[in-house]
N, C-alpha and C. Protein backbone atom coordinates (compact mmCIF):
# COMPACT_ATOMS: atom_id res chain seq x y z
N MET A 1 43.26 -35.29 30.24
CA MET A 1 43.85 -36.26 29.36
C MET A 1 42.78 -36.76 28.39
N ARG A 2 43.14 -36.88 27.14
CA ARG A 2 42.19 -37.25 26.10
C ARG A 2 42.16 -38.74 25.81
N GLY A 3 43.06 -39.49 26.21
CA GLY A 3 43.08 -40.91 25.91
C GLY A 3 44.21 -41.23 24.95
N ARG A 4 44.31 -42.49 24.61
CA ARG A 4 45.42 -42.93 23.77
C ARG A 4 45.30 -42.51 22.32
N ASN A 5 44.15 -42.70 21.71
CA ASN A 5 43.98 -42.39 20.28
C ASN A 5 42.81 -41.42 20.10
N PRO A 6 43.06 -40.18 20.37
CA PRO A 6 41.94 -39.24 20.22
C PRO A 6 41.58 -39.07 18.74
N GLU A 7 40.28 -39.07 18.46
CA GLU A 7 39.80 -38.86 17.10
C GLU A 7 39.20 -37.45 17.04
N HIS A 8 39.90 -36.57 16.38
CA HIS A 8 39.50 -35.17 16.35
C HIS A 8 38.20 -34.96 15.57
N PHE A 9 37.96 -35.76 14.56
CA PHE A 9 36.79 -35.58 13.71
C PHE A 9 35.71 -36.64 13.95
N GLY A 10 35.75 -37.34 15.03
CA GLY A 10 34.79 -38.39 15.31
C GLY A 10 35.18 -39.67 14.60
N GLN A 11 34.33 -40.67 14.70
CA GLN A 11 34.64 -41.95 14.08
C GLN A 11 34.50 -41.85 12.57
N SER A 12 35.35 -42.61 11.87
CA SER A 12 35.25 -42.61 10.41
C SER A 12 34.07 -43.48 10.00
N LEU A 13 33.59 -43.26 8.78
CA LEU A 13 32.45 -44.01 8.29
C LEU A 13 32.81 -45.47 8.04
N SER A 14 31.83 -46.30 8.19
CA SER A 14 32.03 -47.71 7.87
C SER A 14 32.06 -47.87 6.36
N ARG A 15 32.36 -49.06 5.91
CA ARG A 15 32.40 -49.34 4.47
C ARG A 15 31.02 -49.08 3.84
N ARG A 16 29.96 -49.51 4.53
CA ARG A 16 28.60 -49.30 4.03
C ARG A 16 28.25 -47.81 4.02
N GLY A 17 28.65 -47.08 5.05
CA GLY A 17 28.38 -45.64 5.11
C GLY A 17 29.05 -44.89 3.98
N LYS A 18 30.28 -45.26 3.67
CA LYS A 18 30.99 -44.63 2.54
C LYS A 18 30.28 -44.93 1.23
N TRP A 19 29.77 -46.15 1.09
CA TRP A 19 29.07 -46.54 -0.14
C TRP A 19 27.79 -45.72 -0.29
N VAL A 20 27.05 -45.54 0.80
CA VAL A 20 25.81 -44.76 0.77
C VAL A 20 26.11 -43.30 0.40
N ILE A 21 27.12 -42.71 1.00
CA ILE A 21 27.51 -41.34 0.68
C ILE A 21 27.92 -41.24 -0.79
N GLY A 22 28.63 -42.22 -1.30
CA GLY A 22 29.02 -42.22 -2.71
C GLY A 22 27.82 -42.28 -3.64
N VAL A 23 26.83 -43.12 -3.32
CA VAL A 23 25.62 -43.23 -4.15
C VAL A 23 24.85 -41.92 -4.13
N ILE A 24 24.73 -41.31 -2.95
CA ILE A 24 24.05 -40.01 -2.86
C ILE A 24 24.78 -38.96 -3.69
N GLY A 25 26.09 -38.94 -3.64
CA GLY A 25 26.88 -37.99 -4.43
C GLY A 25 26.69 -38.19 -5.93
N VAL A 26 26.69 -39.45 -6.37
CA VAL A 26 26.50 -39.74 -7.80
C VAL A 26 25.10 -39.32 -8.24
N CYS A 27 24.08 -39.60 -7.41
CA CYS A 27 22.71 -39.20 -7.75
C CYS A 27 22.58 -37.67 -7.83
N ALA A 28 23.19 -36.96 -6.89
CA ALA A 28 23.15 -35.50 -6.92
C ALA A 28 23.84 -34.96 -8.17
N LEU A 29 24.97 -35.55 -8.52
CA LEU A 29 25.69 -35.13 -9.73
C LEU A 29 24.85 -35.39 -10.97
N ALA A 30 24.16 -36.53 -11.04
CA ALA A 30 23.31 -36.84 -12.19
C ALA A 30 22.14 -35.86 -12.29
N ILE A 31 21.57 -35.48 -11.15
CA ILE A 31 20.47 -34.51 -11.17
C ILE A 31 20.96 -33.15 -11.66
N PHE A 32 22.09 -32.68 -11.15
CA PHE A 32 22.62 -31.39 -11.59
C PHE A 32 22.99 -31.42 -13.07
N ALA A 33 23.55 -32.50 -13.54
CA ALA A 33 23.89 -32.61 -14.97
C ALA A 33 22.63 -32.61 -15.81
N GLY A 34 21.60 -33.31 -15.37
CA GLY A 34 20.33 -33.33 -16.10
C GLY A 34 19.69 -31.96 -16.18
N VAL A 35 19.69 -31.24 -15.08
CA VAL A 35 19.13 -29.88 -15.08
C VAL A 35 19.95 -28.97 -15.99
N GLY A 36 21.24 -29.12 -15.98
CA GLY A 36 22.10 -28.30 -16.86
C GLY A 36 21.84 -28.57 -18.32
N VAL A 37 21.71 -29.82 -18.70
CA VAL A 37 21.43 -30.17 -20.10
C VAL A 37 20.05 -29.66 -20.49
N TRP A 38 19.04 -29.87 -19.63
CA TRP A 38 17.69 -29.42 -19.94
C TRP A 38 17.64 -27.90 -20.12
N SER A 39 18.27 -27.15 -19.21
CA SER A 39 18.23 -25.69 -19.32
C SER A 39 18.99 -25.19 -20.54
N GLY A 40 19.98 -25.92 -20.97
CA GLY A 40 20.72 -25.52 -22.17
C GLY A 40 19.96 -25.80 -23.45
N LEU A 41 19.13 -26.83 -23.47
CA LEU A 41 18.43 -27.22 -24.69
C LEU A 41 16.99 -26.73 -24.76
N HIS A 42 16.38 -26.43 -23.63
CA HIS A 42 14.98 -26.02 -23.60
C HIS A 42 14.86 -24.56 -24.00
N GLN A 43 14.04 -24.28 -25.00
CA GLN A 43 13.93 -22.91 -25.49
C GLN A 43 12.93 -22.07 -24.71
N GLY A 44 12.01 -22.67 -24.04
CA GLY A 44 11.04 -21.92 -23.26
C GLY A 44 9.88 -21.43 -24.10
N ASN A 45 8.98 -20.69 -23.47
CA ASN A 45 7.78 -20.20 -24.14
C ASN A 45 8.04 -18.99 -25.01
N TYR A 46 9.10 -18.25 -24.73
CA TYR A 46 9.37 -17.01 -25.45
C TYR A 46 10.48 -17.20 -26.47
N ASP A 47 10.43 -18.29 -27.24
CA ASP A 47 11.55 -18.59 -28.12
C ASP A 47 11.62 -17.70 -29.35
N GLN A 48 10.51 -17.50 -30.07
CA GLN A 48 10.57 -16.65 -31.26
C GLN A 48 9.20 -16.07 -31.56
N SER A 49 9.18 -15.02 -32.35
CA SER A 49 7.93 -14.36 -32.71
C SER A 49 7.24 -15.17 -33.81
N ARG A 50 5.94 -15.44 -33.60
CA ARG A 50 5.14 -16.15 -34.61
C ARG A 50 3.69 -16.17 -34.16
N ASN A 51 2.81 -16.44 -35.11
CA ASN A 51 1.38 -16.62 -34.85
C ASN A 51 0.74 -15.46 -34.07
N GLY A 52 1.08 -14.24 -34.42
CA GLY A 52 0.48 -13.08 -33.77
C GLY A 52 1.09 -12.69 -32.44
N CYS A 53 2.16 -13.35 -32.03
CA CYS A 53 2.84 -13.01 -30.78
C CYS A 53 4.26 -12.53 -31.09
N ILE A 54 4.67 -11.47 -30.41
CA ILE A 54 6.02 -10.95 -30.62
C ILE A 54 6.84 -11.14 -29.34
N ASN A 55 8.14 -11.34 -29.52
CA ASN A 55 9.09 -11.47 -28.42
C ASN A 55 10.28 -10.58 -28.74
N LEU A 56 10.57 -9.67 -27.84
CA LEU A 56 11.65 -8.71 -28.04
C LEU A 56 12.58 -8.69 -26.84
N SER A 57 13.83 -8.50 -27.09
CA SER A 57 14.80 -8.19 -26.03
C SER A 57 15.21 -6.74 -26.26
N VAL A 58 14.92 -5.89 -25.30
CA VAL A 58 15.18 -4.46 -25.46
C VAL A 58 16.05 -3.94 -24.33
N VAL A 59 16.71 -2.84 -24.59
CA VAL A 59 17.53 -2.17 -23.59
C VAL A 59 16.60 -1.45 -22.62
N SER A 60 16.90 -1.57 -21.32
CA SER A 60 16.10 -0.84 -20.33
C SER A 60 17.04 -0.27 -19.28
N SER A 61 16.47 0.42 -18.31
CA SER A 61 17.29 1.07 -17.29
C SER A 61 18.02 0.08 -16.40
N THR A 62 17.54 -1.16 -16.33
CA THR A 62 18.20 -2.17 -15.50
C THR A 62 19.06 -3.12 -16.32
N GLY A 63 19.29 -2.79 -17.57
CA GLY A 63 20.18 -3.59 -18.42
C GLY A 63 19.49 -4.19 -19.61
N GLY A 64 18.35 -4.81 -19.42
CA GLY A 64 17.64 -5.41 -20.53
C GLY A 64 16.30 -5.93 -20.06
N ALA A 65 15.40 -6.09 -21.01
CA ALA A 65 14.06 -6.57 -20.68
C ALA A 65 13.56 -7.43 -21.84
N VAL A 66 12.68 -8.34 -21.52
CA VAL A 66 12.03 -9.17 -22.52
C VAL A 66 10.59 -8.72 -22.61
N ILE A 67 10.15 -8.42 -23.82
CA ILE A 67 8.76 -8.03 -24.05
C ILE A 67 8.10 -9.16 -24.81
N HIS A 68 7.00 -9.65 -24.27
CA HIS A 68 6.21 -10.69 -24.92
C HIS A 68 4.79 -10.19 -24.99
N ALA A 69 4.23 -10.15 -26.19
CA ALA A 69 2.86 -9.67 -26.35
C ALA A 69 2.16 -10.44 -27.47
N CYS A 70 0.88 -10.65 -27.29
CA CYS A 70 0.07 -11.34 -28.29
C CYS A 70 -1.20 -10.53 -28.56
N GLY A 71 -1.81 -10.78 -29.73
CA GLY A 71 -3.10 -10.19 -30.05
C GLY A 71 -3.06 -8.69 -30.17
N GLY A 72 -4.04 -8.04 -29.50
CA GLY A 72 -4.19 -6.59 -29.57
C GLY A 72 -3.00 -5.84 -29.03
N LYS A 73 -2.41 -6.36 -27.97
CA LYS A 73 -1.24 -5.69 -27.39
C LYS A 73 -0.06 -5.72 -28.37
N ALA A 74 0.12 -6.85 -29.06
CA ALA A 74 1.19 -6.96 -30.05
C ALA A 74 0.93 -6.01 -31.21
N ARG A 75 -0.33 -5.91 -31.65
CA ARG A 75 -0.64 -4.99 -32.76
C ARG A 75 -0.39 -3.54 -32.35
N THR A 76 -0.67 -3.19 -31.08
CA THR A 76 -0.41 -1.83 -30.60
C THR A 76 1.09 -1.53 -30.61
N ILE A 77 1.89 -2.49 -30.14
CA ILE A 77 3.35 -2.31 -30.14
C ILE A 77 3.85 -2.17 -31.57
N CYS A 78 3.33 -3.00 -32.47
CA CYS A 78 3.76 -2.95 -33.87
C CYS A 78 3.33 -1.64 -34.53
N ARG A 79 2.14 -1.15 -34.21
CA ARG A 79 1.68 0.13 -34.76
C ARG A 79 2.66 1.24 -34.39
N SER A 80 3.09 1.25 -33.13
CA SER A 80 4.06 2.24 -32.68
C SER A 80 5.40 2.06 -33.40
N ALA A 81 5.81 0.82 -33.61
CA ALA A 81 7.09 0.55 -34.27
C ALA A 81 7.07 1.00 -35.73
N TYR A 82 5.95 0.79 -36.41
CA TYR A 82 5.85 1.21 -37.81
C TYR A 82 5.75 2.73 -37.95
N ALA A 83 5.38 3.42 -36.87
CA ALA A 83 5.25 4.88 -36.92
C ALA A 83 6.57 5.59 -36.63
N HIS A 84 7.58 4.89 -36.13
CA HIS A 84 8.85 5.51 -35.77
C HIS A 84 10.00 4.89 -36.56
N THR A 85 11.17 5.57 -36.51
CA THR A 85 12.32 5.10 -37.31
C THR A 85 13.58 4.82 -36.48
N ASP A 86 13.48 4.86 -35.16
CA ASP A 86 14.67 4.62 -34.33
C ASP A 86 15.06 3.13 -34.40
N SER A 87 16.22 2.79 -33.84
CA SER A 87 16.74 1.42 -33.97
C SER A 87 15.86 0.40 -33.25
N GLN A 88 15.31 0.77 -32.11
CA GLN A 88 14.43 -0.17 -31.41
C GLN A 88 13.16 -0.44 -32.22
N SER A 89 12.63 0.57 -32.87
CA SER A 89 11.45 0.39 -33.72
C SER A 89 11.77 -0.52 -34.91
N ARG A 90 12.97 -0.37 -35.48
CA ARG A 90 13.36 -1.24 -36.60
C ARG A 90 13.46 -2.69 -36.14
N GLN A 91 14.02 -2.90 -34.96
CA GLN A 91 14.11 -4.27 -34.42
C GLN A 91 12.72 -4.83 -34.12
N THR A 92 11.84 -3.99 -33.61
CA THR A 92 10.47 -4.41 -33.31
C THR A 92 9.74 -4.76 -34.59
N ARG A 93 9.92 -3.96 -35.65
CA ARG A 93 9.26 -4.26 -36.93
C ARG A 93 9.67 -5.61 -37.47
N ALA A 94 10.93 -5.97 -37.31
CA ALA A 94 11.39 -7.28 -37.78
C ALA A 94 10.65 -8.40 -37.05
N GLN A 95 10.43 -8.24 -35.74
CA GLN A 95 9.69 -9.25 -34.97
C GLN A 95 8.21 -9.25 -35.34
N CYS A 96 7.67 -8.07 -35.66
CA CYS A 96 6.27 -7.99 -36.09
C CYS A 96 6.07 -8.75 -37.40
N LYS A 97 7.02 -8.63 -38.31
CA LYS A 97 6.93 -9.35 -39.59
C LYS A 97 6.98 -10.85 -39.36
N LEU A 98 7.86 -11.31 -38.45
CA LEU A 98 7.92 -12.73 -38.12
C LEU A 98 6.60 -13.23 -37.52
N ALA A 99 5.93 -12.37 -36.76
CA ALA A 99 4.67 -12.74 -36.13
C ALA A 99 3.49 -12.65 -37.09
N GLY A 100 3.74 -12.14 -38.29
CA GLY A 100 2.67 -12.01 -39.28
C GLY A 100 1.85 -10.76 -39.12
N ILE A 101 2.40 -9.75 -38.45
CA ILE A 101 1.69 -8.48 -38.27
C ILE A 101 2.38 -7.43 -39.13
N GLY A 102 1.77 -7.13 -40.28
CA GLY A 102 2.32 -6.15 -41.19
C GLY A 102 1.85 -4.75 -40.86
N ALA A 103 2.36 -3.76 -41.58
CA ALA A 103 2.00 -2.37 -41.34
C ALA A 103 0.51 -2.14 -41.55
N GLY A 104 -0.10 -2.84 -42.49
CA GLY A 104 -1.53 -2.66 -42.76
C GLY A 104 -2.42 -3.37 -41.76
N GLN A 105 -1.88 -4.26 -40.95
CA GLN A 105 -2.69 -5.03 -40.01
C GLN A 105 -2.72 -4.43 -38.61
N THR A 106 -2.09 -3.30 -38.41
CA THR A 106 -2.03 -2.71 -37.07
C THR A 106 -3.26 -1.87 -36.76
N GLY A 107 -4.11 -1.64 -37.72
CA GLY A 107 -5.37 -0.93 -37.46
C GLY A 107 -5.19 0.51 -37.61
């Protein structure tokens, strides 16, 4: 026999307990909303090509890749892009121009 008023889910929370759970829920919601807004507005370090650094999104075997290069590595990538005429090279040349690396500056 279980008794007169069996509580299948245990005792219910007190008024104070419900208030604490509500405050925790509101705080968690505010944190998630803040992270969502920040991630939507924050551009990150790889936002655009400039100042001798290039940023590319290219097709790869796993779907896509981000290429970020500065200095000598960027000039090497740009030298290869200026030497070829395929679509990826054309896209790379556009980023090289934004970074200030022209065809004559690739060495």
